[in-house]
Amino acid sequence: TRAACAALAARFSVAAVLTGLSEHAAPLFGISSQGGVQAFAIACALVLAAIAATGLHPSAIVWSGVTILKLIPLVAIIALGLVALGTTGAGAVVLAPPSAAAAQVTAHSIERAVLVVVFASQGFEVVPLLAGSVRRPGRSVPLATVASLVFATTLYAALHALTVRAVPGLAHSQRPLADAARVYGGAFA
């Protein structure tokens, strides 16, 4: 059923967000061990659950803030990449091809690819959840759903196109956005 699929997608989305958040934010707090990163992910889940339990308005404020923080570097990469399109000075990162063992398709590599695709397609499904809290939901909800899909598609298409330009060995990059940011923004990006 659709409800079961939405619930499953939401679980995968939350897992992806918590995994990414913990892997990238934990080192900022001096946490580097695998167990420490997992504990940090659990702590993040508990904090986010506590915020959600306070109600819709505080949750919306926090989630909007997190979304803005997530979008800032992505939009910056796009802006820097578009500026670089007009210049000839932007160099590309050329990565060495992986070894034969690294090029093999494994269950883990398939899981990572599916996670990226599923994660990129998430977010628009939460728009209808707030339908009872908005004026004219019959007009606002479809408009917000379509607008979020168009925005996400445009964002990811621009990121992909600019990353392909900056990182010719994209298939071999472990951190494609970071590599593209380094090309477009310099060593400190």
N, C-alpha and C. Protein backbone atom coordinates (compact mmCIF):
# COMPACT_ATOMS: atom_id res chain seq x y z
N THR A 1 0.84 -1.18 0.00
CA THR A 1 0.00 0.00 0.00
C THR A 1 0.88 1.24 0.00
N ARG A 2 0.26 2.36 -0.34
CA ARG A 2 1.01 3.62 -0.38
C ARG A 2 1.50 4.05 1.00
N ALA A 3 0.69 3.82 2.01
CA ALA A 3 1.08 4.21 3.36
C ALA A 3 2.31 3.43 3.82
N ALA A 4 2.35 2.14 3.51
CA ALA A 4 3.51 1.32 3.89
C ALA A 4 4.75 1.77 3.14
N CYS A 5 4.61 2.10 1.86
CA CYS A 5 5.75 2.58 1.08
C CYS A 5 6.25 3.93 1.61
N ALA A 6 5.31 4.81 1.97
CA ALA A 6 5.70 6.12 2.52
C ALA A 6 6.41 5.94 3.85
N ALA A 7 5.91 5.03 4.69
CA ALA A 7 6.55 4.79 5.99
C ALA A 7 7.95 4.22 5.80
N LEU A 8 8.11 3.29 4.86
CA LEU A 8 9.42 2.71 4.59
C LEU A 8 10.36 3.77 4.04
N ALA A 9 9.88 4.59 3.12
CA ALA A 9 10.71 5.65 2.55
C ALA A 9 11.14 6.64 3.63
N ALA A 10 10.22 6.96 4.54
CA ALA A 10 10.55 7.89 5.63
C ALA A 10 11.63 7.30 6.53
N ARG A 11 11.56 6.01 6.80
CA ARG A 11 12.59 5.36 7.64
C ARG A 11 13.95 5.42 6.96
N PHE A 12 13.97 5.12 5.66
CA PHE A 12 15.24 5.18 4.92
C PHE A 12 15.77 6.61 4.89
N SER A 13 14.88 7.57 4.73
CA SER A 13 15.28 8.97 4.70
C SER A 13 15.89 9.39 6.03
N VAL A 14 15.24 9.04 7.12
CA VAL A 14 15.75 9.38 8.44
C VAL A 14 17.10 8.69 8.67
N ALA A 15 17.21 7.44 8.27
CA ALA A 15 18.47 6.71 8.43
C ALA A 15 19.58 7.37 7.62
N ALA A 16 19.26 7.81 6.40
CA ALA A 16 20.27 8.46 5.57
C ALA A 16 20.72 9.78 6.18
N VAL A 17 19.75 10.56 6.66
CA VAL A 17 20.08 11.85 7.27
C VAL A 17 20.94 11.64 8.52
N LEU A 18 20.55 10.72 9.37
CA LEU A 18 21.31 10.48 10.61
C LEU A 18 22.70 9.93 10.31
N THR A 19 22.80 9.06 9.32
CA THR A 19 24.11 8.52 8.94
C THR A 19 25.01 9.63 8.43
N GLY A 20 24.50 10.43 7.50
CA GLY A 20 25.29 11.53 6.96
C GLY A 20 25.65 12.56 8.00
N LEU A 21 24.67 12.90 8.83
CA LEU A 21 24.90 13.89 9.89
C LEU A 21 25.97 13.41 10.86
N SER A 22 25.85 12.16 11.30
CA SER A 22 26.81 11.66 12.28
C SER A 22 28.20 11.49 11.68
N GLU A 23 28.30 11.02 10.45
CA GLU A 23 29.62 10.83 9.84
C GLU A 23 30.33 12.14 9.57
N HIS A 24 29.57 13.20 9.27
CA HIS A 24 30.19 14.48 8.93
C HIS A 24 30.29 15.45 10.11
N ALA A 25 29.37 15.35 11.05
CA ALA A 25 29.38 16.29 12.17
C ALA A 25 30.15 15.75 13.38
N ALA A 26 30.18 14.44 13.57
CA ALA A 26 30.87 13.89 14.74
C ALA A 26 32.34 14.32 14.81
N PRO A 27 33.10 14.31 13.70
CA PRO A 27 34.49 14.76 13.79
C PRO A 27 34.64 16.21 14.24
N LEU A 28 33.61 17.05 13.99
CA LEU A 28 33.67 18.43 14.45
C LEU A 28 33.68 18.51 15.97
N PHE A 29 33.15 17.47 16.62
CA PHE A 29 33.12 17.40 18.08
C PHE A 29 34.21 16.49 18.63
N GLY A 30 35.18 16.12 17.78
CA GLY A 30 36.30 15.29 18.22
C GLY A 30 35.96 13.81 18.32
N ILE A 31 34.87 13.40 17.72
CA ILE A 31 34.45 11.99 17.77
C ILE A 31 34.92 11.32 16.48
N SER A 32 35.76 10.29 16.62
CA SER A 32 36.28 9.65 15.42
C SER A 32 36.10 8.13 15.40
N SER A 33 35.88 7.52 16.55
CA SER A 33 35.73 6.06 16.57
C SER A 33 34.36 5.67 16.01
N GLN A 34 34.28 4.48 15.46
CA GLN A 34 33.02 4.00 14.88
C GLN A 34 31.92 3.95 15.93
N GLY A 35 32.24 3.47 17.12
CA GLY A 35 31.26 3.42 18.21
C GLY A 35 30.82 4.82 18.63
N GLY A 36 31.76 5.75 18.66
CA GLY A 36 31.44 7.13 19.01
C GLY A 36 30.52 7.78 17.98
N VAL A 37 30.78 7.51 16.70
CA VAL A 37 29.94 8.06 15.63
C VAL A 37 28.53 7.47 15.73
N GLN A 38 28.43 6.17 16.03
CA GLN A 38 27.11 5.55 16.18
C GLN A 38 26.38 6.12 17.39
N ALA A 39 27.09 6.34 18.49
CA ALA A 39 26.46 6.96 19.67
C ALA A 39 26.01 8.39 19.36
N PHE A 40 26.82 9.10 18.58
CA PHE A 40 26.46 10.46 18.17
C PHE A 40 25.18 10.43 17.32
N ALA A 41 25.06 9.45 16.42
CA ALA A 41 23.86 9.32 15.60
C ALA A 41 22.63 9.06 16.47
N ILE A 42 22.78 8.22 17.47
CA ILE A 42 21.66 7.94 18.38
C ILE A 42 21.28 9.20 19.16
N ALA A 43 22.30 9.93 19.62
CA ALA A 43 22.03 11.18 20.35
C ALA A 43 21.31 12.18 19.45
N CYS A 44 21.74 12.28 18.20
CA CYS A 44 21.06 13.18 17.24
C CYS A 44 19.61 12.76 17.05
N ALA A 45 19.37 11.45 16.92
CA ALA A 45 18.00 10.96 16.76
C ALA A 45 17.15 11.33 17.97
N LEU A 46 17.71 11.18 19.16
CA LEU A 46 16.97 11.52 20.38
C LEU A 46 16.67 13.01 20.47
N VAL A 47 17.65 13.83 20.11
CA VAL A 47 17.45 15.28 20.13
C VAL A 47 16.37 15.69 19.12
N LEU A 48 16.46 15.15 17.92
CA LEU A 48 15.45 15.47 16.90
C LEU A 48 14.07 14.97 17.30
N ALA A 49 14.00 13.80 17.94
CA ALA A 49 12.72 13.28 18.41
C ALA A 49 12.15 14.18 19.51
N ALA A 50 13.01 14.65 20.40
CA ALA A 50 12.56 15.55 21.47
C ALA A 50 12.03 16.86 20.89
N ILE A 51 12.71 17.37 19.86
CA ILE A 51 12.23 18.59 19.21
C ILE A 51 10.88 18.34 18.56
N ALA A 52 10.74 17.21 17.88
CA ALA A 52 9.47 16.87 17.23
C ALA A 52 8.36 16.74 18.26
N ALA A 53 8.69 16.25 19.44
CA ALA A 53 7.68 16.06 20.49
C ALA A 53 7.19 17.39 21.06
N THR A 54 7.95 18.46 20.86
CA THR A 54 7.53 19.77 21.39
C THR A 54 6.41 20.39 20.57
N GLY A 55 6.18 19.89 19.38
CA GLY A 55 5.09 20.40 18.56
C GLY A 55 5.52 20.78 17.16
N LEU A 56 4.53 21.11 16.35
CA LEU A 56 4.75 21.39 14.95
C LEU A 56 5.56 22.67 14.72
N HIS A 57 5.23 23.73 15.44
CA HIS A 57 5.90 25.01 15.20
C HIS A 57 7.39 24.96 15.54
N PRO A 58 7.79 24.48 16.73
CA PRO A 58 9.25 24.39 17.00
C PRO A 58 9.95 23.44 16.03
N SER A 59 9.28 22.35 15.68
CA SER A 59 9.88 21.40 14.73
C SER A 59 10.10 22.05 13.38
N ALA A 60 9.12 22.82 12.93
CA ALA A 60 9.24 23.49 11.63
C ALA A 60 10.40 24.48 11.63
N ILE A 61 10.58 25.20 12.72
CA ILE A 61 11.67 26.17 12.82
C ILE A 61 13.02 25.45 12.75
N VAL A 62 13.17 24.39 13.54
CA VAL A 62 14.43 23.65 13.56
C VAL A 62 14.69 23.01 12.21
N TRP A 63 13.68 22.38 11.63
CA TRP A 63 13.88 21.68 10.36
C TRP A 63 14.18 22.67 9.24
N SER A 64 13.55 23.84 9.28
CA SER A 64 13.86 24.88 8.28
C SER A 64 15.30 25.33 8.43
N GLY A 65 15.76 25.49 9.66
CA GLY A 65 17.15 25.87 9.90
C GLY A 65 18.12 24.82 9.39
N VAL A 66 17.83 23.55 9.67
CA VAL A 66 18.69 22.46 9.19
C VAL A 66 18.70 22.42 7.67
N THR A 67 17.55 22.63 7.06
CA THR A 67 17.47 22.63 5.60
C THR A 67 18.30 23.76 5.01
N ILE A 68 18.22 24.93 5.60
CA ILE A 68 19.00 26.07 5.12
C ILE A 68 20.50 25.78 5.26
N LEU A 69 20.89 25.22 6.40
CA LEU A 69 22.30 24.86 6.60
C LEU A 69 22.78 23.84 5.58
N LYS A 70 21.88 22.93 5.19
CA LYS A 70 22.23 21.91 4.21
C LYS A 70 22.33 22.52 2.81
N LEU A 71 21.47 23.49 2.51
CA LEU A 71 21.44 24.07 1.17
C LEU A 71 22.56 25.07 0.91
N ILE A 72 23.03 25.74 1.95
CA ILE A 72 24.06 26.78 1.76
C ILE A 72 25.28 26.26 0.99
N PRO A 73 25.92 25.15 1.41
CA PRO A 73 27.09 24.72 0.64
C PRO A 73 26.74 24.22 -0.77
N LEU A 74 25.56 23.63 -0.92
CA LEU A 74 25.17 23.15 -2.25
C LEU A 74 24.96 24.31 -3.21
N VAL A 75 24.27 25.34 -2.75
CA VAL A 75 24.05 26.53 -3.58
C VAL A 75 25.38 27.24 -3.84
N ALA A 76 26.27 27.25 -2.85
CA ALA A 76 27.59 27.87 -3.04
C ALA A 76 28.37 27.15 -4.12
N ILE A 77 28.33 25.82 -4.15
CA ILE A 77 29.02 25.07 -5.20
C ILE A 77 28.45 25.45 -6.56
N ILE A 78 27.13 25.54 -6.64
CA ILE A 78 26.50 25.90 -7.92
C ILE A 78 26.91 27.31 -8.33
N ALA A 79 26.87 28.26 -7.40
CA ALA A 79 27.24 29.64 -7.71
C ALA A 79 28.70 29.72 -8.17
N LEU A 80 29.59 29.07 -7.42
CA LEU A 80 31.01 29.08 -7.81
C LEU A 80 31.22 28.39 -9.15
N GLY A 81 30.50 27.30 -9.38
CA GLY A 81 30.62 26.59 -10.65
C GLY A 81 30.13 27.41 -11.82
N LEU A 82 29.03 28.15 -11.63
CA LEU A 82 28.52 29.00 -12.71
C LEU A 82 29.48 30.15 -13.00
N VAL A 83 30.09 30.70 -11.96
CA VAL A 83 31.09 31.75 -12.17
C VAL A 83 32.28 31.17 -12.92
N ALA A 84 32.68 29.95 -12.56
CA ALA A 84 33.83 29.31 -13.21
C ALA A 84 33.56 28.99 -14.67
N LEU A 85 32.30 28.80 -15.03
CA LEU A 85 31.98 28.52 -16.43
C LEU A 85 32.40 29.68 -17.33
N GLY A 86 32.40 30.88 -16.78
CA GLY A 86 32.78 32.05 -17.55
C GLY A 86 34.27 32.30 -17.56
N THR A 87 35.03 31.52 -16.80
CA THR A 87 36.49 31.70 -16.76
C THR A 87 37.17 30.46 -17.30
N THR A 88 38.41 30.59 -17.63
CA THR A 88 39.17 29.43 -18.11
C THR A 88 40.11 28.90 -17.04
N GLY A 89 40.14 29.54 -15.87
CA GLY A 89 41.09 29.17 -14.84
C GLY A 89 40.68 27.99 -13.98
N ALA A 90 39.43 27.54 -14.07
CA ALA A 90 38.98 26.43 -13.21
C ALA A 90 39.59 25.13 -13.71
N GLY A 91 40.46 24.54 -12.90
CA GLY A 91 41.05 23.26 -13.26
C GLY A 91 40.17 22.12 -12.81
N ALA A 92 40.41 20.96 -13.34
CA ALA A 92 39.62 19.79 -12.99
C ALA A 92 40.43 18.87 -12.10
N VAL A 93 39.76 18.13 -11.27
CA VAL A 93 40.40 17.11 -10.45
C VAL A 93 40.39 15.83 -11.25
N VAL A 94 41.54 15.29 -11.53
CA VAL A 94 41.62 14.04 -12.27
C VAL A 94 42.02 12.96 -11.28
N LEU A 95 41.17 11.98 -11.11
CA LEU A 95 41.42 10.92 -10.16
C LEU A 95 41.90 9.68 -10.89
N ALA A 96 42.80 8.95 -10.25
CA ALA A 96 43.28 7.71 -10.84
C ALA A 96 42.17 6.68 -10.80
N PRO A 97 42.10 5.84 -11.85
CA PRO A 97 41.08 4.80 -11.82
C PRO A 97 41.33 3.85 -10.66
N PRO A 98 40.26 3.28 -10.11
CA PRO A 98 40.45 2.38 -8.98
C PRO A 98 41.07 1.07 -9.42
N SER A 99 41.55 0.34 -8.44
CA SER A 99 42.09 -0.97 -8.74
C SER A 99 40.96 -1.88 -9.19
N ALA A 100 41.29 -3.02 -9.74
CA ALA A 100 40.27 -3.96 -10.21
C ALA A 100 39.35 -4.38 -9.06
N ALA A 101 39.92 -4.55 -7.87
CA ALA A 101 39.11 -4.95 -6.71
C ALA A 101 38.12 -3.84 -6.34
N ALA A 102 38.55 -2.58 -6.42
CA ALA A 102 37.67 -1.47 -6.06
C ALA A 102 36.59 -1.25 -7.10
N ALA A 103 36.83 -1.67 -8.35
CA ALA A 103 35.86 -1.45 -9.42
C ALA A 103 34.76 -2.50 -9.43
N GLN A 104 34.87 -3.54 -8.63
CA GLN A 104 33.86 -4.59 -8.62
C GLN A 104 32.57 -4.10 -7.98
N VAL A 105 31.47 -4.57 -8.53
CA VAL A 105 30.16 -4.23 -7.97
C VAL A 105 29.90 -5.18 -6.80
N THR A 106 29.65 -4.59 -5.64
CA THR A 106 29.37 -5.37 -4.45
C THR A 106 28.00 -4.99 -3.91
N ALA A 107 27.52 -5.76 -2.97
CA ALA A 107 26.23 -5.45 -2.35
C ALA A 107 26.31 -4.08 -1.68
N HIS A 108 27.45 -3.76 -1.07
CA HIS A 108 27.61 -2.46 -0.41
C HIS A 108 27.57 -1.32 -1.42
N SER A 109 28.21 -1.50 -2.59
CA SER A 109 28.19 -0.42 -3.58
C SER A 109 26.78 -0.22 -4.14
N ILE A 110 26.03 -1.28 -4.28
CA ILE A 110 24.64 -1.17 -4.72
C ILE A 110 23.81 -0.46 -3.66
N GLU A 111 24.03 -0.82 -2.39
CA GLU A 111 23.31 -0.15 -1.29
C GLU A 111 23.59 1.34 -1.29
N ARG A 112 24.85 1.73 -1.48
CA ARG A 112 25.22 3.15 -1.51
C ARG A 112 24.55 3.87 -2.66
N ALA A 113 24.53 3.24 -3.84
CA ALA A 113 23.90 3.87 -5.00
C ALA A 113 22.41 4.04 -4.79
N VAL A 114 21.76 3.02 -4.24
CA VAL A 114 20.32 3.11 -3.98
C VAL A 114 20.04 4.18 -2.94
N LEU A 115 20.87 4.27 -1.91
CA LEU A 115 20.69 5.28 -0.88
C LEU A 115 20.76 6.68 -1.47
N VAL A 116 21.72 6.92 -2.37
CA VAL A 116 21.85 8.23 -3.00
C VAL A 116 20.60 8.58 -3.80
N VAL A 117 20.11 7.62 -4.58
CA VAL A 117 18.93 7.88 -5.40
C VAL A 117 17.70 8.09 -4.53
N VAL A 118 17.51 7.25 -3.52
CA VAL A 118 16.35 7.39 -2.63
C VAL A 118 16.43 8.70 -1.86
N PHE A 119 17.60 9.03 -1.36
CA PHE A 119 17.75 10.26 -0.59
C PHE A 119 17.46 11.48 -1.44
N ALA A 120 17.94 11.47 -2.67
CA ALA A 120 17.70 12.62 -3.55
C ALA A 120 16.22 12.79 -3.86
N SER A 121 15.45 11.73 -3.75
CA SER A 121 14.02 11.78 -4.08
C SER A 121 13.15 12.01 -2.86
N GLN A 122 13.74 12.20 -1.71
CA GLN A 122 12.96 12.36 -0.48
C GLN A 122 12.71 13.82 -0.17
N GLY A 123 11.72 14.05 0.66
CA GLY A 123 11.44 15.38 1.17
C GLY A 123 10.09 15.92 0.74
N PHE A 124 9.73 15.69 -0.52
CA PHE A 124 8.47 16.23 -1.00
C PHE A 124 7.27 15.56 -0.34
N GLU A 125 7.45 14.35 0.17
CA GLU A 125 6.32 13.62 0.75
C GLU A 125 5.85 14.18 2.08
N VAL A 126 6.66 15.04 2.70
CA VAL A 126 6.23 15.62 3.97
C VAL A 126 5.29 16.80 3.78
N VAL A 127 5.23 17.34 2.57
CA VAL A 127 4.37 18.50 2.32
C VAL A 127 2.92 18.22 2.70
N PRO A 128 2.33 17.08 2.30
CA PRO A 128 0.93 16.84 2.65
C PRO A 128 0.68 16.64 4.15
N LEU A 129 1.72 16.32 4.91
CA LEU A 129 1.53 16.11 6.35
C LEU A 129 1.01 17.36 7.05
N LEU A 130 1.36 18.50 6.53
CA LEU A 130 0.98 19.76 7.15
C LEU A 130 -0.30 20.34 6.56
N ALA A 131 -0.98 19.57 5.72
CA ALA A 131 -2.13 20.08 4.98
C ALA A 131 -3.20 20.68 5.88
N GLY A 132 -3.41 20.13 7.05
CA GLY A 132 -4.43 20.64 7.94
C GLY A 132 -4.05 21.95 8.62
N SER A 133 -2.78 22.34 8.50
CA SER A 133 -2.30 23.54 9.18
C SER A 133 -2.12 24.73 8.25
N VAL A 134 -2.50 24.60 6.99
CA VAL A 134 -2.30 25.69 6.04
C VAL A 134 -3.63 26.22 5.53
N ARG A 135 -3.58 27.44 5.05
CA ARG A 135 -4.76 28.02 4.42
C ARG A 135 -4.87 27.43 3.02
N ARG A 136 -6.06 27.17 2.59
CA ARG A 136 -6.36 26.63 1.25
C ARG A 136 -5.47 25.43 0.91
N PRO A 137 -5.57 24.33 1.67
CA PRO A 137 -4.71 23.18 1.40
C PRO A 137 -4.93 22.58 0.01
N GLY A 138 -6.14 22.72 -0.53
CA GLY A 138 -6.40 22.18 -1.87
C GLY A 138 -5.55 22.82 -2.94
N ARG A 139 -5.13 24.05 -2.71
CA ARG A 139 -4.27 24.76 -3.66
C ARG A 139 -2.81 24.71 -3.20
N SER A 140 -2.58 24.92 -1.92
CA SER A 140 -1.22 25.05 -1.39
C SER A 140 -0.44 23.74 -1.43
N VAL A 141 -1.07 22.63 -1.08
CA VAL A 141 -0.35 21.35 -1.00
C VAL A 141 0.15 20.89 -2.36
N PRO A 142 -0.71 20.86 -3.41
CA PRO A 142 -0.17 20.46 -4.72
C PRO A 142 0.91 21.41 -5.23
N LEU A 143 0.72 22.71 -5.00
CA LEU A 143 1.71 23.69 -5.44
C LEU A 143 3.04 23.48 -4.71
N ALA A 144 2.99 23.27 -3.40
CA ALA A 144 4.21 23.04 -2.62
C ALA A 144 4.89 21.73 -3.02
N THR A 145 4.10 20.70 -3.29
CA THR A 145 4.67 19.41 -3.71
C THR A 145 5.40 19.54 -5.04
N VAL A 146 4.74 20.15 -6.02
CA VAL A 146 5.36 20.31 -7.33
C VAL A 146 6.57 21.24 -7.24
N ALA A 147 6.44 22.33 -6.49
CA ALA A 147 7.56 23.26 -6.34
C ALA A 147 8.77 22.59 -5.70
N SER A 148 8.53 21.75 -4.69
CA SER A 148 9.66 21.07 -4.04
C SER A 148 10.32 20.08 -4.99
N LEU A 149 9.53 19.39 -5.81
CA LEU A 149 10.10 18.46 -6.80
C LEU A 149 10.90 19.20 -7.86
N VAL A 150 10.38 20.33 -8.35
CA VAL A 150 11.09 21.11 -9.36
C VAL A 150 12.38 21.67 -8.78
N PHE A 151 12.32 22.20 -7.56
CA PHE A 151 13.52 22.74 -6.92
C PHE A 151 14.58 21.66 -6.74
N ALA A 152 14.18 20.50 -6.20
CA ALA A 152 15.14 19.41 -5.96
C ALA A 152 15.74 18.92 -7.27
N THR A 153 14.91 18.78 -8.30
CA THR A 153 15.40 18.33 -9.60
C THR A 153 16.40 19.32 -10.18
N THR A 154 16.09 20.60 -10.11
CA THR A 154 16.98 21.63 -10.62
C THR A 154 18.29 21.66 -9.83
N LEU A 155 18.18 21.59 -8.52
CA LEU A 155 19.36 21.61 -7.66
C LEU A 155 20.29 20.44 -7.98
N TYR A 156 19.73 19.22 -8.01
CA TYR A 156 20.56 18.04 -8.26
C TYR A 156 21.10 18.00 -9.69
N ALA A 157 20.32 18.47 -10.67
CA ALA A 157 20.81 18.51 -12.05
C ALA A 157 21.98 19.48 -12.17
N ALA A 158 21.86 20.64 -11.55
CA ALA A 158 22.96 21.62 -11.59
C ALA A 158 24.20 21.08 -10.88
N LEU A 159 24.00 20.49 -9.71
CA LEU A 159 25.15 19.92 -8.98
C LEU A 159 25.82 18.83 -9.80
N HIS A 160 25.02 17.97 -10.40
CA HIS A 160 25.58 16.88 -11.19
C HIS A 160 26.36 17.42 -12.39
N ALA A 161 25.75 18.34 -13.14
CA ALA A 161 26.41 18.88 -14.32
C ALA A 161 27.72 19.58 -13.97
N LEU A 162 27.70 20.37 -12.92
CA LEU A 162 28.91 21.10 -12.53
C LEU A 162 29.96 20.17 -11.94
N THR A 163 29.53 19.13 -11.23
CA THR A 163 30.49 18.17 -10.67
C THR A 163 31.13 17.33 -11.77
N VAL A 164 30.35 16.94 -12.78
CA VAL A 164 30.91 16.20 -13.91
C VAL A 164 31.97 17.03 -14.62
N ARG A 165 31.71 18.33 -14.74
CA ARG A 165 32.67 19.23 -15.40
C ARG A 165 33.96 19.35 -14.57
N ALA A 166 33.82 19.45 -13.26
CA ALA A 166 34.98 19.69 -12.40
C ALA A 166 35.78 18.42 -12.11
N VAL A 167 35.11 17.28 -12.11
CA VAL A 167 35.75 16.02 -11.70
C VAL A 167 35.59 15.00 -12.82
N PRO A 168 36.50 15.02 -13.79
CA PRO A 168 36.36 14.08 -14.91
C PRO A 168 36.33 12.61 -14.48
N GLY A 169 37.01 12.26 -13.42
CA GLY A 169 37.01 10.89 -12.92
C GLY A 169 35.95 10.71 -11.86
N LEU A 170 34.78 11.28 -12.08
CA LEU A 170 33.72 11.32 -11.08
C LEU A 170 33.37 9.94 -10.53
N ALA A 171 33.37 8.93 -11.37
CA ALA A 171 33.00 7.59 -10.93
C ALA A 171 33.98 7.05 -9.89
N HIS A 172 35.15 7.61 -9.84
CA HIS A 172 36.17 7.11 -8.92
C HIS A 172 36.33 8.00 -7.69
N SER A 173 35.54 9.05 -7.59
CA SER A 173 35.66 9.97 -6.47
C SER A 173 34.87 9.46 -5.27
N GLN A 174 35.50 9.49 -4.11
CA GLN A 174 34.82 9.12 -2.88
C GLN A 174 34.04 10.31 -2.32
N ARG A 175 34.45 11.53 -2.69
CA ARG A 175 33.81 12.77 -2.20
C ARG A 175 33.62 13.72 -3.37
N PRO A 176 32.67 13.42 -4.27
CA PRO A 176 32.54 14.21 -5.49
C PRO A 176 32.20 15.68 -5.24
N LEU A 177 31.31 15.97 -4.31
CA LEU A 177 30.97 17.37 -4.07
C LEU A 177 32.14 18.12 -3.46
N ALA A 178 32.86 17.48 -2.56
CA ALA A 178 34.05 18.12 -1.98
C ALA A 178 35.11 18.36 -3.04
N ASP A 179 35.28 17.39 -3.95
CA ASP A 179 36.25 17.57 -5.04
C ASP A 179 35.83 18.72 -5.95
N ALA A 180 34.53 18.80 -6.28
CA ALA A 180 34.04 19.90 -7.11
C ALA A 180 34.20 21.23 -6.40
N ALA A 181 33.91 21.26 -5.10
CA ALA A 181 34.05 22.50 -4.32
C ALA A 181 35.50 22.95 -4.31
N ARG A 182 36.43 22.00 -4.24
CA ARG A 182 37.86 22.34 -4.24
C ARG A 182 38.26 22.95 -5.59
N VAL A 183 37.71 22.42 -6.68
CA VAL A 183 38.02 22.96 -8.02
C VAL A 183 37.46 24.37 -8.15
N TYR A 184 36.21 24.55 -7.79
CA TYR A 184 35.55 25.84 -7.99
C TYR A 184 35.90 26.87 -6.91
N GLY A 185 36.11 26.43 -5.69
CA GLY A 185 36.32 27.37 -4.60
C GLY A 185 37.74 27.48 -4.10
N GLY A 186 38.61 26.63 -4.57
CA GLY A 186 40.00 26.68 -4.12
C GLY A 186 40.24 25.71 -2.98
N ALA A 187 41.41 25.79 -2.42
CA ALA A 187 41.85 24.84 -1.40
C ALA A 187 41.02 24.90 -0.12
N PHE A 188 40.42 26.04 0.20
CA PHE A 188 39.69 26.18 1.45
C PHE A 188 38.24 25.76 1.32
N ALA A 189 37.76 25.41 0.14
CA ALA A 189 36.36 25.02 -0.05
C ALA A 189 36.11 23.63 0.45
